[in-house]
């Protein structure tokens, strides 16, 4: 399975004005626990997640991405 290293800047690039992925030094690999810090209506919440799959493909079209699922501590559960 493909992984990103702790020095990989791709995790740090997953940032938006209202949501930030913590921790940017976490390896991008199946099973890594992360958290999403979300600002909504003037307050922040920290939502626990786990990376459930990674796409890292070379070829005519280079693709990279990952998906995460919510854990019990996530606000949407």
PDB file of N, CA and C in Angstrom:
ATOM      1  N   UNK A   1       0.850  -1.179   0.000  1.00  0.00           N
ATOM      2  CA  UNK A   1       0.000   0.000   0.000  1.00  0.00           C
ATOM      3  C   UNK A   1       0.882   1.223   0.000  1.00  0.00           C
ATOM      4  N   UNK A   2       0.475   2.225  -0.752  1.00  0.00           N
ATOM      5  CA  UNK A   2       1.223   3.478  -0.830  1.00  0.00           C
ATOM      6  C   UNK A   2       1.095   4.267   0.462  1.00  0.00           C
ATOM      7  N   UNK A   3       2.154   4.955   0.780  1.00  0.00           N
ATOM      8  CA  UNK A   3       2.132   5.775   1.991  1.00  0.00           C
ATOM      9  C   UNK A   3       2.817   7.100   1.726  1.00  0.00           C
ATOM     10  N   UNK A   4       2.487   8.085   2.506  1.00  0.00           N
ATOM     11  CA  UNK A   4       3.196   9.356   2.481  1.00  0.00           C
ATOM     12  C   UNK A   4       4.038   9.429   3.739  1.00  0.00           C
ATOM     13  N   UNK A   5       5.189  10.029   3.618  1.00  0.00           N
ATOM     14  CA  UNK A   5       6.080  10.126   4.781  1.00  0.00           C
ATOM     15  C   UNK A   5       5.720  11.331   5.630  1.00  0.00           C
ATOM     16  N   UNK A   6       6.287  11.390   6.814  1.00  0.00           N
ATOM     17  CA  UNK A   6       6.037  12.508   7.719  1.00  0.00           C
ATOM     18  C   UNK A   6       6.489  13.819   7.103  1.00  0.00           C
ATOM     19  N   UNK A   7       7.487  13.793   6.231  1.00  0.00           N
ATOM     20  CA  UNK A   7       7.960  15.008   5.582  1.00  0.00           C
ATOM     21  C   UNK A   7       7.202  15.345   4.314  1.00  0.00           C
ATOM     22  N   UNK A   8       6.232  14.548   3.970  1.00  0.00           N
ATOM     23  CA  UNK A   8       5.449  14.730   2.752  1.00  0.00           C
ATOM     24  C   UNK A   8       4.535  15.937   2.897  1.00  0.00           C
ATOM     25  N   UNK A   9       4.626  16.880   1.972  1.00  0.00           N
ATOM     26  CA  UNK A   9       3.838  18.110   2.072  1.00  0.00           C
ATOM     27  C   UNK A   9       2.384  17.912   1.656  1.00  0.00           C
ATOM     28  N   UNK A  10       2.035  16.753   1.112  1.00  0.00           N
ATOM     29  CA  UNK A  10       0.664  16.563   0.636  1.00  0.00           C
ATOM     30  C   UNK A  10      -0.348  16.636   1.768  1.00  0.00           C
ATOM     31  N   UNK A  11      -0.021  16.168   2.959  1.00  0.00           N
ATOM     32  CA  UNK A  11      -0.946  16.251   4.082  1.00  0.00           C
ATOM     33  C   UNK A  11      -1.143  17.706   4.487  1.00  0.00           C
ATOM     34  N   UNK A  12      -0.078  18.491   4.472  1.00  0.00           N
ATOM     35  CA  UNK A  12      -0.170  19.903   4.846  1.00  0.00           C
ATOM     36  C   UNK A  12      -1.017  20.687   3.844  1.00  0.00           C
ATOM     37  N   UNK A  13      -1.138  20.193   2.622  1.00  0.00           N
ATOM     38  CA  UNK A  13      -1.919  20.888   1.603  1.00  0.00           C
ATOM     39  C   UNK A  13      -3.419  20.696   1.771  1.00  0.00           C
ATOM     40  N   UNK A  14      -3.837  19.832   2.690  1.00  0.00           N
ATOM     41  CA  UNK A  14      -5.259  19.601   2.921  1.00  0.00           C
ATOM     42  C   UNK A  14      -5.728  20.611   3.970  1.00  0.00           C
ATOM     43  N   UNK A  15      -5.833  21.847   3.553  1.00  0.00           N
ATOM     44  CA  UNK A  15      -6.230  22.938   4.436  1.00  0.00           C
ATOM     45  C   UNK A  15      -7.244  23.808   3.691  1.00  0.00           C
ATOM     46  N   UNK A  16      -8.231  24.255   4.363  1.00  0.00           N
ATOM     47  CA  UNK A  16      -9.235  25.154   3.798  1.00  0.00           C
ATOM     48  C   UNK A  16      -9.507  26.238   4.828  1.00  0.00           C
ATOM     49  N   UNK A  17     -10.258  27.237   4.464  1.00  0.00           N
ATOM     50  CA  UNK A  17     -10.529  28.353   5.377  1.00  0.00           C
ATOM     51  C   UNK A  17     -11.241  27.897   6.648  1.00  0.00           C
ATOM     52  N   UNK A  18     -12.121  26.924   6.570  1.00  0.00           N
ATOM     53  CA  UNK A  18     -12.932  26.530   7.725  1.00  0.00           C
ATOM     54  C   UNK A  18     -12.612  25.145   8.276  1.00  0.00           C
ATOM     55  N   UNK A  19     -11.742  24.403   7.589  1.00  0.00           N
ATOM     56  CA  UNK A  19     -11.367  23.070   8.089  1.00  0.00           C
ATOM     57  C   UNK A  19      -9.870  22.857   7.885  1.00  0.00           C
ATOM     58  N   UNK A  20      -9.231  22.285   8.898  1.00  0.00           N
ATOM     59  CA  UNK A  20      -7.806  21.949   8.825  1.00  0.00           C
ATOM     60  C   UNK A  20      -7.629  20.511   9.299  1.00  0.00           C
ATOM     61  N   UNK A  21      -6.784  19.788   8.586  1.00  0.00           N
ATOM     62  CA  UNK A  21      -6.508  18.411   8.954  1.00  0.00           C
ATOM     63  C   UNK A  21      -5.323  18.381   9.913  1.00  0.00           C
ATOM     64  N   UNK A  22      -5.490  17.739  11.054  1.00  0.00           N
ATOM     65  CA  UNK A  22      -4.431  17.610  12.056  1.00  0.00           C
ATOM     66  C   UNK A  22      -4.054  16.129  12.092  1.00  0.00           C
ATOM     67  N   UNK A  23      -3.015  15.740  12.121  1.00  0.00           N
ATOM     68  CA  UNK A  23      -1.729  16.370  12.271  1.00  0.00           C
ATOM     69  C   UNK A  23      -1.026  16.242  10.944  1.00  0.00           C
ATOM     70  N   UNK A  24      -0.447  17.336  10.463  1.00  0.00           N
ATOM     71  CA  UNK A  24       0.148  17.333   9.127  1.00  0.00           C
ATOM     72  C   UNK A  24       1.402  16.480   9.036  1.00  0.00           C
ATOM     73  N   UNK A  25       1.948  16.062  10.160  1.00  0.00           N
ATOM     74  CA  UNK A  25       3.120  15.185  10.138  1.00  0.00           C
ATOM     75  C   UNK A  25       2.741  13.705  10.176  1.00  0.00           C
ATOM     76  N   UNK A  26       1.467  13.394  10.273  1.00  0.00           N
ATOM     77  CA  UNK A  26       1.017  11.995  10.304  1.00  0.00           C
ATOM     78  C   UNK A  26       1.268  11.348   8.947  1.00  0.00           C
ATOM     79  N   UNK A  27       1.670  10.073   8.939  1.00  0.00           N
ATOM     80  CA  UNK A  27       1.882   9.391   7.659  1.00  0.00           C
ATOM     81  C   UNK A  27       0.552   9.180   6.936  1.00  0.00           C
ATOM     82  N   UNK A  28       0.580   9.367   5.633  1.00  0.00           N
ATOM     83  CA  UNK A  28      -0.623   9.148   4.831  1.00  0.00           C
ATOM     84  C   UNK A  28      -0.652   7.669   4.471  1.00  0.00           C
ATOM     85  N   UNK A  29      -1.319   6.880   5.310  1.00  0.00           N
ATOM     86  CA  UNK A  29      -1.418   5.441   5.089  1.00  0.00           C
ATOM     87  C   UNK A  29      -2.679   4.914   5.767  1.00  0.00           C
ATOM     88  N   UNK A  30      -3.129   3.777   5.287  1.00  0.00           N
ATOM     89  CA  UNK A  30      -4.312   3.131   5.839  1.00  0.00           C
ATOM     90  C   UNK A  30      -4.158   2.956   7.351  1.00  0.00           C
ATOM     91  N   UNK A  31      -5.179   3.341   8.102  1.00  0.00           N
ATOM     92  CA  UNK A  31      -5.195   3.126   9.541  1.00  0.00           C
ATOM     93  C   UNK A  31      -4.669   4.269  10.384  1.00  0.00           C
ATOM     94  N   UNK A  32      -4.101   5.303   9.768  1.00  0.00           N
ATOM     95  CA  UNK A  32      -3.579   6.438  10.534  1.00  0.00           C
ATOM     96  C   UNK A  32      -4.735   7.254  11.099  1.00  0.00           C
ATOM     97  N   UNK A  33      -4.667   7.548  12.388  1.00  0.00           N
ATOM     98  CA  UNK A  33      -5.680   8.398  13.020  1.00  0.00           C
ATOM     99  C   UNK A  33      -5.286   9.860  12.849  1.00  0.00           C
ATOM    100  N   UNK A  34      -6.248  10.668  12.456  1.00  0.00           N
ATOM    101  CA  UNK A  34      -6.056  12.103  12.279  1.00  0.00           C
ATOM    102  C   UNK A  34      -7.251  12.802  12.901  1.00  0.00           C
ATOM    103  N   UNK A  35      -7.269  14.104  12.814  1.00  0.00           N
ATOM    104  CA  UNK A  35      -8.419  14.862  13.292  1.00  0.00           C
ATOM    105  C   UNK A  35      -8.655  16.027  12.354  1.00  0.00           C
ATOM    106  N   UNK A  36      -9.887  16.406  12.222  1.00  0.00           N
ATOM    107  CA  UNK A  36     -10.251  17.580  11.441  1.00  0.00           C
ATOM    108  C   UNK A  36     -10.676  18.667  12.413  1.00  0.00           C
ATOM    109  N   UNK A  37      -9.978  19.794  12.356  1.00  0.00           N
ATOM    110  CA  UNK A  37     -10.335  20.952  13.165  1.00  0.00           C
ATOM    111  C   UNK A  37     -11.258  21.814  12.315  1.00  0.00           C
ATOM    112  N   UNK A  38     -12.480  22.009  12.778  1.00  0.00           N
ATOM    113  CA  UNK A  38     -13.497  22.707  11.987  1.00  0.00           C
ATOM    114  C   UNK A  38     -13.958  23.956  12.722  1.00  0.00           C
ATOM    115  N   UNK A  39     -13.973  25.074  11.994  1.00  0.00           N
ATOM    116  CA  UNK A  39     -14.498  26.319  12.544  1.00  0.00           C
ATOM    117  C   UNK A  39     -15.906  26.513  11.989  1.00  0.00           C
ATOM    118  N   UNK A  40     -16.885  26.604  12.887  1.00  0.00           N
ATOM    119  CA  UNK A  40     -18.258  26.813  12.440  1.00  0.00           C
ATOM    120  C   UNK A  40     -18.986  27.695  13.446  1.00  0.00           C
ATOM    121  N   UNK A  41     -19.626  28.701  12.944  1.00  0.00           N
ATOM    122  CA  UNK A  41     -20.397  29.638  13.766  1.00  0.00           C
ATOM    123  C   UNK A  41     -19.557  30.242  14.895  1.00  0.00           C
ATOM    124  N   UNK A  42     -18.263  30.504  14.622  1.00  0.00           N
ATOM    125  CA  UNK A  42     -17.421  31.185  15.585  1.00  0.00           C
ATOM    126  C   UNK A  42     -16.756  30.312  16.629  1.00  0.00           C
ATOM    127  N   UNK A  43     -16.945  28.992  16.577  1.00  0.00           N
ATOM    128  CA  UNK A  43     -16.236  28.126  17.511  1.00  0.00           C
ATOM    129  C   UNK A  43     -15.602  26.967  16.747  1.00  0.00           C
ATOM    130  N   UNK A  44     -14.654  26.300  17.392  1.00  0.00           N
ATOM    131  CA  UNK A  44     -13.928  25.200  16.770  1.00  0.00           C
ATOM    132  C   UNK A  44     -14.301  23.878  17.420  1.00  0.00           C
ATOM    133  N   UNK A  45     -14.296  22.827  16.609  1.00  0.00           N
ATOM    134  CA  UNK A  45     -14.430  21.471  17.147  1.00  0.00           C
ATOM    135  C   UNK A  45     -13.322  20.618  16.530  1.00  0.00           C
ATOM    136  N   UNK A  46     -12.859  19.637  17.280  1.00  0.00           N
ATOM    137  CA  UNK A  46     -11.832  18.710  16.818  1.00  0.00           C
ATOM    138  C   UNK A  46     -12.493  17.352  16.652  1.00  0.00           C
ATOM    139  N   UNK A  47     -12.475  16.824  15.429  1.00  0.00           N
ATOM    140  CA  UNK A  47     -13.233  15.630  15.080  1.00  0.00           C
ATOM    141  C   UNK A  47     -12.299  14.485  14.688  1.00  0.00           C
ATOM    142  N   UNK A  48     -12.377  13.377  15.419  1.00  0.00           N
ATOM    143  CA  UNK A  48     -11.485  12.234  15.210  1.00  0.00           C
ATOM    144  C   UNK A  48     -11.862  11.452  13.954  1.00  0.00           C
ATOM    145  N   UNK A  49     -10.828  11.102  13.164  1.00  0.00           N
ATOM    146  CA  UNK A  49     -11.019  10.369  11.912  1.00  0.00           C
ATOM    147  C   UNK A  49      -9.892   9.351  11.745  1.00  0.00           C
ATOM    148  N   UNK A  50     -10.092   8.411  10.819  1.00  0.00           N
ATOM    149  CA  UNK A  50      -9.049   7.426  10.489  1.00  0.00           C
ATOM    150  C   UNK A  50      -8.995   7.300   8.967  1.00  0.00           C
ATOM    151  N   UNK A  51      -7.780   7.280   8.421  1.00  0.00           N
ATOM    152  CA  UNK A  51      -7.611   7.111   6.977  1.00  0.00           C
ATOM    153  C   UNK A  51      -8.035   5.684   6.618  1.00  0.00           C
ATOM    154  N   UNK A  52      -8.978   5.568   5.672  1.00  0.00           N
ATOM    155  CA  UNK A  52      -9.520   4.257   5.319  1.00  0.00           C
ATOM    156  C   UNK A  52      -9.021   3.743   3.974  1.00  0.00           C
ATOM    157  N   UNK A  53      -8.538   4.632   3.104  1.00  0.00           N
ATOM    158  CA  UNK A  53      -7.841   4.178   1.904  1.00  0.00           C
ATOM    159  C   UNK A  53      -7.011   5.302   1.312  1.00  0.00           C
ATOM    160  N   UNK A  54      -6.006   4.886   0.517  1.00  0.00           N
ATOM    161  CA  UNK A  54      -5.090   5.824  -0.115  1.00  0.00           C
ATOM    162  C   UNK A  54      -5.020   5.491  -1.598  1.00  0.00           C
ATOM    163  N   UNK A  55      -5.004   6.507  -2.441  1.00  0.00           N
ATOM    164  CA  UNK A  55      -4.792   6.360  -3.881  1.00  0.00           C
ATOM    165  C   UNK A  55      -3.500   7.093  -4.211  1.00  0.00           C
ATOM    166  N   UNK A  56      -2.532   6.399  -4.786  1.00  0.00           N
ATOM    167  CA  UNK A  56      -1.258   6.997  -5.181  1.00  0.00           C
ATOM    168  C   UNK A  56      -0.814   6.275  -6.441  1.00  0.00           C
ATOM    169  N   UNK A  57      -1.196   6.795  -7.593  1.00  0.00           N
ATOM    170  CA  UNK A  57      -0.975   6.106  -8.866  1.00  0.00           C
ATOM    171  C   UNK A  57      -0.129   6.952  -9.811  1.00  0.00           C
ATOM    172  N   UNK A  58       0.833   6.298 -10.423  1.00  0.00           N
ATOM    173  CA  UNK A  58       1.637   6.895 -11.481  1.00  0.00           C
ATOM    174  C   UNK A  58       1.089   6.382 -12.805  1.00  0.00           C
ATOM    175  N   UNK A  59       1.360   7.080 -13.865  1.00  0.00           N
ATOM    176  CA  UNK A  59       0.903   6.649 -15.172  1.00  0.00           C
ATOM    177  C   UNK A  59       0.602   7.856 -16.019  1.00  0.00           C
ATOM    178  N   UNK A  60      -0.198   7.682 -17.069  1.00  0.00           N
ATOM    179  CA  UNK A  60      -0.532   8.824 -17.923  1.00  0.00           C
ATOM    180  C   UNK A  60      -1.205   9.948 -17.131  1.00  0.00           C
ATOM    181  N   UNK A  61      -1.968   9.552 -16.128  1.00  0.00           N
ATOM    182  CA  UNK A  61      -2.594  10.519 -15.231  1.00  0.00           C
ATOM    183  C   UNK A  61      -2.134  10.175 -13.818  1.00  0.00           C
ATOM    184  N   UNK A  62      -1.438  11.127 -13.182  1.00  0.00           N
ATOM    185  CA  UNK A  62      -0.982  10.898 -11.811  1.00  0.00           C
ATOM    186  C   UNK A  62      -2.118  11.234 -10.862  1.00  0.00           C
ATOM    187  N   UNK A  63      -2.432  10.298  -9.962  1.00  0.00           N
ATOM    188  CA  UNK A  63      -3.525  10.518  -9.003  1.00  0.00           C
ATOM    189  C   UNK A  63      -3.020  10.297  -7.590  1.00  0.00           C
ATOM    190  N   UNK A  64      -3.421  11.190  -6.691  1.00  0.00           N
ATOM    191  CA  UNK A  64      -3.122  11.026  -5.283  1.00  0.00           C
ATOM    192  C   UNK A  64      -4.314  11.510  -4.482  1.00  0.00           C
ATOM    193  N   UNK A  65      -4.673  10.750  -3.460  1.00  0.00           N
ATOM    194  CA  UNK A  65      -5.755  11.168  -2.580  1.00  0.00           C
ATOM    195  C   UNK A  65      -5.935  10.154  -1.465  1.00  0.00           C
ATOM    196  N   UNK A  66      -6.758  10.504  -0.524  1.00  0.00           N
ATOM    197  CA  UNK A  66      -7.079   9.576   0.549  1.00  0.00           C
ATOM    198  C   UNK A  66      -8.463   9.920   1.081  1.00  0.00           C
ATOM    199  N   UNK A  67      -9.057   8.965   1.742  1.00  0.00           N
ATOM    200  CA  UNK A  67     -10.366   9.179   2.357  1.00  0.00           C
ATOM    201  C   UNK A  67     -10.272   8.793   3.816  1.00  0.00           C
ATOM    202  N   UNK A  68     -11.061   9.459   4.617  1.00  0.00           N
ATOM    203  CA  UNK A  68     -11.084   9.106   6.028  1.00  0.00           C
ATOM    204  C   UNK A  68     -12.512   8.910   6.492  1.00  0.00           C
ATOM    205  N   UNK A  69     -12.650   8.061   7.492  1.00  0.00           N
ATOM    206  CA  UNK A  69     -13.952   7.790   8.097  1.00  0.00           C
ATOM    207  C   UNK A  69     -13.971   8.340   9.512  1.00  0.00           C
ATOM    208  N   UNK A  70     -15.152   8.580  10.015  1.00  0.00           N
ATOM    209  CA  UNK A  70     -15.286   9.157  11.353  1.00  0.00           C
ATOM    210  C   UNK A  70     -15.106   8.094  12.434  1.00  0.00           C
ATOM    211  N   UNK A  71     -14.562   8.518  13.569  1.00  0.00           N
ATOM    212  CA  UNK A  71     -14.433   7.668  14.753  1.00  0.00           C
ATOM    213  C   UNK A  71     -15.488   8.080  15.773  1.00  0.00           C
ATOM    214  N   UNK A  72     -15.582   7.357  16.854  1.00  0.00           N
ATOM    215  CA  UNK A  72     -16.617   7.606  17.857  1.00  0.00           C
ATOM    216  C   UNK A  72     -16.573   9.029  18.400  1.00  0.00           C
ATOM    217  N   UNK A  73     -15.404   9.656  18.453  1.00  0.00           N
ATOM    218  CA  UNK A  73     -15.265  10.996  19.003  1.00  0.00           C
ATOM    219  C   UNK A  73     -15.616  12.094  17.995  1.00  0.00           C
ATOM    220  N   UNK A  74     -16.013  11.731  16.779  1.00  0.00           N
ATOM    221  CA  UNK A  74     -16.337  12.710  15.735  1.00  0.00           C
ATOM    222  C   UNK A  74     -17.672  13.381  16.032  1.00  0.00           C
ATOM    223  N   UNK A  75     -17.768  14.671  15.769  1.00  0.00           N
ATOM    224  CA  UNK A  75     -18.985  15.436  16.084  1.00  0.00           C
ATOM    225  C   UNK A  75     -20.214  14.964  15.310  1.00  0.00           C
ATOM    226  N   UNK A  76     -20.017  14.382  14.145  1.00  0.00           N
ATOM    227  CA  UNK A  76     -21.156  13.948  13.335  1.00  0.00           C
ATOM    228  C   UNK A  76     -21.685  12.576  13.706  1.00  0.00           C
ATOM    229  N   UNK A  77     -21.147  11.957  14.722  1.00  0.00           N
ATOM    230  CA  UNK A  77     -21.644  10.637  15.142  1.00  0.00           C
ATOM    231  C   UNK A  77     -22.659  10.797  16.229  1.00  0.00           C
TER     232      UNK A  77
END
